[in-house]
Amino acid sequence: MAALIGDSPDQHEAVTRGTGAERFLRRGPYVFLYPDRKTFEKDAFGFGLRRDHGVTWQEWDRTRLEQHDPELGPGFGFAAAIDGGAWVTAPGPYVAALGEHFLREGGSFLQGEVTDIAQIEGGRAAVTLVGGARLEADRVVLAAGAWSGRLAKRLGHEARMEAERGYHLMLKGASHLPPSPYSFVAAKIAATPMEEGLRLAGVVDLSGLDAPPLKAPLDGIRKRIRQLYPKLRWEVEETWMGQRPSTADSLPLIGPSPKAPAIHFAFGGQHLGLTMGPKLGRLTADLIAGRKPNIDIAPYRVDRFDWR
């Protein structure tokens, strides 16, 4: 995974330059919050992996934490602040700005529900939409998130993927925002300052693509708000649940299908789809154009789950 996300801030800055989307990018530390150093030390395995892959961090005591954020609840006495972090302040408008740039550069956009995908005569590919419309192209990229596995099966591939459903609570008009994103480690919740307010996200369930959202995960997030910010006020609460495309080995599927070479897979980013988006796009473009990627893509081969 480090090969795909290790340089994500630079990748996002590169892909947004001159598009208008760069205004949604922010740089700053990503802060893991703990009650004390002893609790942090229990995470030695995870931070050891980070160190092995070149990640550095600063260790903050309570005094340093209060300098960073005076409103932070008293239950946090230690933090590991990851250097070189970045975040997107409004994911929807961010992607929309990139889409608008794509259109200005001569691209086109068609929205429809896909019922089939296949390689056709002449080494080309076709996508069939609800209603019967059929689109043909020299190359097609399958990047349909958690729904990609169902379409991959149409090509004879097993994606071994499940919808790892994540829950989000947006507090609009929040009276205080953190200076940079937090990981509330004990609660497995991330708190991120956004243009609309404070976003709290975390907790997962594996109920499947078609199940309705659950109530308990959101209730669990709500119970933690006062631990993070005891005095916090907000105007409006919005909730949503996202279907994360998580594979059995936590790695995406990248590259052309051996069974349908005109169709390239680019999905399975689990919680990190937006993070790795620019890198995944560059890799896919290189593969389609016949350029050799500068990383080994063997770990992401698209047929690795085809056991039968």
Protein backbone atom coordinates (compact mmCIF):
# COMPACT_ATOMS: atom_id res chain seq x y z
CA MET A 1 0.00 0.00 0.00
CA ALA A 2 2.89 2.38 0.68
CA ALA A 3 3.74 2.41 -3.04
CA LEU A 4 0.27 3.77 -3.79
CA ILE A 5 -0.19 6.32 -1.00
CA GLY A 6 3.30 7.28 0.19
CA ASP A 7 3.39 10.44 -1.93
CA SER A 8 -0.35 11.21 -1.99
CA PRO A 9 -0.14 14.91 -1.02
CA ASP A 10 2.28 15.57 -3.88
CA GLN A 11 0.15 13.51 -6.27
CA HIS A 12 -2.96 15.51 -5.39
CA GLU A 13 -1.15 18.80 -5.79
CA ALA A 14 0.13 17.71 -9.20
CA VAL A 15 -3.23 16.54 -10.55
CA THR A 16 -5.10 19.64 -9.33
CA ARG A 17 -2.62 22.28 -10.48
CA GLY A 18 -4.42 24.76 -12.70
CA THR A 19 -7.80 23.01 -12.41
CA GLY A 20 -9.47 25.06 -9.68
CA ALA A 21 -9.62 22.00 -7.43
CA GLU A 22 -6.40 22.93 -5.65
CA ARG A 23 -8.30 25.31 -3.36
CA PHE A 24 -9.75 22.32 -1.51
CA LEU A 25 -6.34 20.93 -0.48
CA ARG A 26 -4.81 21.67 2.90
CA ARG A 27 -1.47 20.63 4.43
CA GLY A 28 -0.89 19.91 8.10
CA PRO A 29 -0.14 17.18 10.63
CA TYR A 30 -2.37 14.15 11.04
CA VAL A 31 -2.67 13.74 14.80
CA PHE A 32 -3.26 10.42 16.60
CA LEU A 33 -4.80 11.14 20.01
CA TYR A 34 -4.12 8.99 23.10
CA PRO A 35 -4.90 9.37 26.81
CA ASP A 36 -1.21 8.91 27.67
CA ARG A 37 2.17 7.71 26.36
CA LYS A 38 1.66 4.21 27.75
CA THR A 39 -1.41 3.75 25.54
CA PHE A 40 0.50 5.06 22.54
CA GLU A 41 3.25 2.51 23.16
CA LYS A 42 0.70 -0.28 22.74
CA ASP A 43 0.50 0.80 19.09
CA ALA A 44 4.20 0.11 18.59
CA PHE A 45 3.59 -2.41 15.81
CA GLY A 46 1.62 0.02 13.64
CA PHE A 47 3.99 2.91 14.17
CA GLY A 48 6.93 0.59 13.55
CA LEU A 49 5.47 -0.20 10.12
CA ARG A 50 5.10 3.50 9.45
CA ARG A 51 8.70 4.15 10.43
CA ASP A 52 9.88 1.33 8.17
CA HIS A 53 8.17 3.07 5.25
CA GLY A 54 9.67 6.49 5.90
CA VAL A 55 6.83 8.05 7.90
CA THR A 56 7.96 10.45 10.62
CA TRP A 57 6.07 12.03 13.49
CA GLN A 58 6.37 14.34 16.47
CA GLU A 59 5.42 13.22 19.97
CA TRP A 60 3.29 15.79 21.79
CA ASP A 61 2.49 15.98 25.50
CA ARG A 62 -0.60 17.67 26.94
CA THR A 63 1.02 21.11 26.92
CA ARG A 64 1.88 20.84 23.23
CA LEU A 65 -1.60 19.53 22.46
CA GLU A 66 -3.18 22.54 24.17
CA GLN A 67 -0.97 24.84 22.10
CA HIS A 68 -2.27 23.12 18.98
CA ASP A 69 -5.91 23.07 20.07
CA PRO A 70 -7.01 24.67 23.37
CA GLU A 71 -10.57 23.30 23.02
CA LEU A 72 -9.51 19.65 23.04
CA GLY A 73 -11.05 17.53 25.78
CA PRO A 74 -9.03 16.72 28.92
CA GLY A 75 -8.92 12.97 28.19
CA PHE A 76 -6.06 13.37 25.72
CA GLY A 77 -2.61 13.64 27.25
CA PHE A 78 -0.41 12.43 24.41
CA ALA A 79 -0.35 12.51 20.62
CA ALA A 80 1.68 11.34 17.66
CA ALA A 81 1.53 14.03 14.97
CA ILE A 82 2.37 12.61 11.54
CA ASP A 83 4.52 14.97 9.48
CA GLY A 84 3.58 15.94 5.93
CA GLY A 85 -0.13 15.22 6.12
CA ALA A 86 -2.83 16.66 3.91
CA TRP A 87 -6.61 16.57 3.56
CA VAL A 88 -9.44 17.62 1.27
CA THR A 89 -11.82 20.15 2.78
CA ALA A 90 -14.82 19.28 0.57
CA PRO A 91 -14.58 15.94 -1.27
CA GLY A 92 -17.70 16.41 -3.40
CA PRO A 93 -16.81 19.88 -4.75
CA TYR A 94 -13.19 18.72 -5.11
CA VAL A 95 -14.10 15.89 -7.48
CA ALA A 96 -16.64 18.14 -9.24
CA ALA A 97 -13.93 20.74 -9.92
CA LEU A 98 -11.71 18.05 -11.44
CA GLY A 99 -14.66 16.90 -13.55
CA GLU A 100 -15.29 20.43 -14.79
CA HIS A 101 -11.65 20.72 -15.80
CA PHE A 102 -11.96 17.41 -17.68
CA LEU A 103 -14.94 18.81 -19.61
CA ARG A 104 -13.11 22.05 -20.43
CA GLU A 105 -10.25 19.98 -21.85
CA GLY A 106 -12.60 18.23 -24.27
CA GLY A 107 -13.86 15.27 -22.24
CA SER A 108 -17.51 14.26 -22.05
CA PHE A 109 -19.67 12.91 -19.23
CA LEU A 110 -22.55 10.45 -19.45
CA GLN A 111 -24.37 9.14 -16.41
CA GLY A 112 -26.09 5.76 -16.54
CA GLU A 113 -26.51 2.46 -14.72
CA VAL A 114 -24.33 -0.30 -16.15
CA THR A 115 -25.81 -3.76 -16.64
CA ASP A 116 -22.98 -5.43 -18.56
CA ILE A 117 -19.35 -4.99 -19.57
CA ALA A 118 -17.55 -7.13 -22.13
CA GLN A 119 -14.72 -7.33 -24.62
CA ILE A 120 -15.95 -7.34 -28.21
CA GLU A 121 -14.61 -7.99 -31.67
CA GLY A 122 -11.54 -6.09 -32.80
CA GLY A 123 -10.01 -6.06 -29.33
CA ARG A 124 -12.38 -3.33 -28.15
CA ALA A 125 -14.75 -3.13 -25.16
CA ALA A 126 -18.43 -2.40 -24.71
CA VAL A 127 -20.57 -1.23 -21.79
CA THR A 128 -24.34 -1.79 -21.79
CA LEU A 129 -26.62 0.54 -19.82
CA VAL A 130 -30.10 0.10 -18.39
CA GLY A 131 -32.44 0.79 -21.29
CA GLY A 132 -30.22 -1.00 -23.78
CA ALA A 133 -27.79 1.75 -24.82
CA ARG A 134 -24.37 0.31 -25.71
CA LEU A 135 -21.14 2.27 -25.54
CA GLU A 136 -17.99 1.04 -27.28
CA ALA A 137 -14.38 2.14 -26.85
CA ASP A 138 -10.84 0.99 -27.49
CA ARG A 139 -10.31 0.78 -23.73
CA VAL A 140 -12.68 0.84 -20.75
CA VAL A 141 -11.67 1.40 -17.12
CA LEU A 142 -13.73 -0.41 -14.50
CA ALA A 143 -13.67 1.90 -11.46
CA ALA A 144 -17.09 1.45 -9.89
CA GLY A 145 -16.07 1.26 -6.25
CA ALA A 146 -17.85 -1.34 -4.14
CA TRP A 147 -20.03 -2.30 -7.12
CA SER A 148 -17.00 -3.23 -9.27
CA GLY A 149 -16.92 -6.82 -8.04
CA ARG A 150 -20.30 -7.60 -9.60
CA LEU A 151 -19.15 -6.27 -12.97
CA ALA A 152 -15.81 -8.09 -12.69
CA LYS A 153 -17.78 -11.34 -12.42
CA ARG A 154 -19.26 -10.61 -15.85
CA LEU A 155 -15.70 -11.00 -17.14
CA GLY A 156 -15.04 -14.21 -15.22
CA HIS A 157 -13.06 -12.67 -12.36
CA GLU A 158 -13.48 -13.04 -8.61
CA ALA A 159 -12.73 -9.74 -6.87
CA ARG A 160 -13.07 -11.17 -3.33
CA MET A 161 -14.47 -7.83 -2.26
CA GLU A 162 -16.98 -6.71 0.35
CA ALA A 163 -18.64 -3.40 1.08
CA GLU A 164 -16.95 -2.21 4.26
CA ARG A 165 -19.58 0.32 5.24
CA GLY A 166 -18.29 3.44 6.99
CA TYR A 167 -20.43 5.95 8.89
CA HIS A 168 -20.09 9.74 8.79
CA LEU A 169 -21.49 12.49 10.96
CA MET A 170 -21.21 16.06 9.64
CA LEU A 171 -21.75 18.82 12.21
CA LYS A 172 -22.51 21.91 10.14
CA GLY A 173 -21.87 25.30 11.68
CA ALA A 174 -19.67 23.81 14.40
CA SER A 175 -18.46 26.36 16.95
CA HIS A 176 -14.92 24.98 16.75
CA LEU A 177 -12.87 23.03 14.22
CA PRO A 178 -9.60 21.21 14.81
CA PRO A 179 -6.56 22.87 13.20
CA SER A 180 -5.85 19.60 11.36
CA PRO A 181 -7.36 16.09 11.23
CA TYR A 182 -7.40 13.86 14.30
CA SER A 183 -7.55 10.13 14.79
CA PHE A 184 -9.42 9.47 18.03
CA VAL A 185 -7.68 6.14 18.41
CA ALA A 186 -9.70 4.60 21.25
CA ALA A 187 -12.97 5.25 19.41
CA LYS A 188 -11.64 4.44 15.92
CA ILE A 189 -13.00 7.79 14.74
CA ALA A 190 -11.42 10.42 12.51
CA ALA A 191 -12.29 14.09 13.04
CA THR A 192 -11.63 16.38 10.08
CA PRO A 193 -12.14 20.13 9.62
CA MET A 194 -14.23 20.64 6.48
CA GLU A 195 -15.69 23.64 4.66
CA GLU A 196 -19.18 22.70 5.90
CA GLY A 197 -18.14 21.96 9.47
CA LEU A 198 -16.68 19.11 11.51
CA ARG A 199 -16.80 15.63 9.99
CA LEU A 200 -16.60 12.64 12.31
CA ALA A 201 -16.16 9.34 10.54
CA GLY A 202 -15.44 5.80 11.59
CA VAL A 203 -16.87 2.48 12.67
CA VAL A 204 -17.60 -0.16 10.03
CA ASP A 205 -20.05 -2.96 9.41
CA LEU A 206 -20.08 -5.74 6.85
CA SER A 207 -23.79 -6.05 6.17
CA GLY A 208 -23.40 -6.11 2.38
CA LEU A 209 -24.08 -3.75 -0.49
CA ASP A 210 -27.86 -3.90 -0.34
CA ALA A 211 -28.54 -3.61 3.40
CA PRO A 212 -29.89 -0.34 4.85
CA PRO A 213 -27.64 1.75 7.14
CA LEU A 214 -27.48 0.77 10.79
CA LYS A 215 -28.34 3.11 13.67
CA ALA A 216 -25.83 1.88 16.26
CA PRO A 217 -22.61 3.08 14.56
CA LEU A 218 -23.87 6.65 14.33
CA ASP A 219 -25.06 6.55 17.95
CA GLY A 220 -21.56 5.42 18.93
CA ILE A 221 -19.97 8.36 17.14
CA ARG A 222 -22.37 10.81 18.79
CA LYS A 223 -21.41 9.55 22.24
CA ARG A 224 -17.79 10.49 21.60
CA ILE A 225 -18.32 14.10 20.54
CA ARG A 226 -18.11 15.54 24.06
CA GLN A 227 -14.91 13.63 24.77
CA LEU A 228 -13.31 15.37 21.85
CA TYR A 229 -14.81 18.83 22.40
CA PRO A 230 -16.77 19.28 25.67
CA LYS A 231 -18.06 22.74 24.74
CA LEU A 232 -18.85 22.11 21.08
CA ARG A 233 -22.03 23.54 19.57
CA TRP A 234 -23.36 23.10 16.04
CA GLU A 235 -26.35 24.09 13.93
CA VAL A 236 -27.23 21.06 11.79
CA GLU A 237 -26.31 17.38 11.87
CA GLU A 238 -26.12 15.33 8.68
CA THR A 239 -25.35 11.62 8.44
CA TRP A 240 -24.41 9.25 5.67
CA MET A 241 -22.99 5.82 5.13
CA GLY A 242 -20.35 5.06 2.49
CA GLN A 243 -19.73 1.70 0.80
CA ARG A 244 -15.97 1.13 0.89
CA PRO A 245 -14.66 -1.37 -1.69
CA SER A 246 -12.48 -3.59 0.50
CA THR A 247 -10.74 -6.67 -0.85
CA ALA A 248 -9.71 -9.76 1.12
CA ASP A 249 -6.06 -8.64 1.18
CA SER A 250 -6.75 -4.88 1.46
CA LEU A 251 -5.09 -4.16 -1.90
CA PRO A 252 -6.77 -2.77 -5.03
CA LEU A 253 -7.06 -4.52 -8.37
CA ILE A 254 -5.03 -2.64 -10.99
CA GLY A 255 -4.38 -3.42 -14.62
CA PRO A 256 -5.88 -5.07 -17.71
CA SER A 257 -8.01 -8.16 -17.39
CA PRO A 258 -6.19 -11.21 -18.79
CA LYS A 259 -9.60 -12.46 -19.94
CA ALA A 260 -10.59 -9.12 -21.53
CA PRO A 261 -7.44 -7.01 -22.13
CA ALA A 262 -9.40 -4.01 -23.41
CA ILE A 263 -10.85 -3.58 -19.90
CA HIS A 264 -8.62 -2.18 -17.16
CA PHE A 265 -9.43 -2.63 -13.48
CA ALA A 266 -8.87 0.29 -11.11
CA PHE A 267 -10.83 -0.37 -7.93
CA GLY A 268 -10.59 -1.77 -4.41
CA GLY A 269 -9.01 1.19 -2.61
CA GLN A 270 -10.89 0.32 0.63
CA HIS A 271 -10.76 3.40 2.93
CA LEU A 272 -8.13 5.06 0.78
CA GLY A 273 -9.79 5.52 -2.61
CA LEU A 274 -9.67 9.31 -2.61
CA THR A 275 -6.18 9.26 -1.09
CA MET A 276 -4.72 7.08 -3.84
CA GLY A 277 -6.94 8.44 -6.63
CA PRO A 278 -4.35 10.53 -8.50
CA LYS A 279 -1.71 7.79 -8.30
CA LEU A 280 -4.17 5.11 -9.40
CA GLY A 281 -5.22 7.30 -12.32
CA ARG A 282 -1.64 7.86 -13.43
CA LEU A 283 -0.86 4.14 -13.20
CA THR A 284 -3.93 3.25 -15.24
CA ALA A 285 -3.14 5.88 -17.87
CA ASP A 286 0.44 4.57 -18.14
CA LEU A 287 -0.73 0.99 -18.57
CA ILE A 288 -3.26 1.92 -21.24
CA ALA A 289 -0.66 4.02 -23.09
CA GLY A 290 1.91 1.22 -22.96
CA ARG A 291 4.24 3.05 -20.58
CA LYS A 292 6.02 1.02 -17.90
CA PRO A 293 4.90 2.07 -14.39
CA ASN A 294 7.64 3.00 -11.96
CA ILE A 295 6.31 0.60 -9.31
CA ASP A 296 5.77 -3.14 -9.31
CA ILE A 297 2.06 -3.74 -9.95
CA ALA A 298 2.24 -7.51 -9.44
CA PRO A 299 0.73 -7.31 -5.90
CA TYR A 300 -2.39 -5.71 -7.43
CA ARG A 301 -2.87 -8.15 -10.34
CA VAL A 302 -6.53 -8.48 -11.21
CA ASP A 303 -6.69 -12.28 -11.39
CA ARG A 304 -5.12 -13.07 -8.02
CA PHE A 305 -8.43 -14.24 -6.55
CA ASP A 306 -9.40 -16.41 -9.52
CA TRP A 307 -8.91 -19.70 -7.71
CA ARG A 308 -11.03 -21.87 -9.97
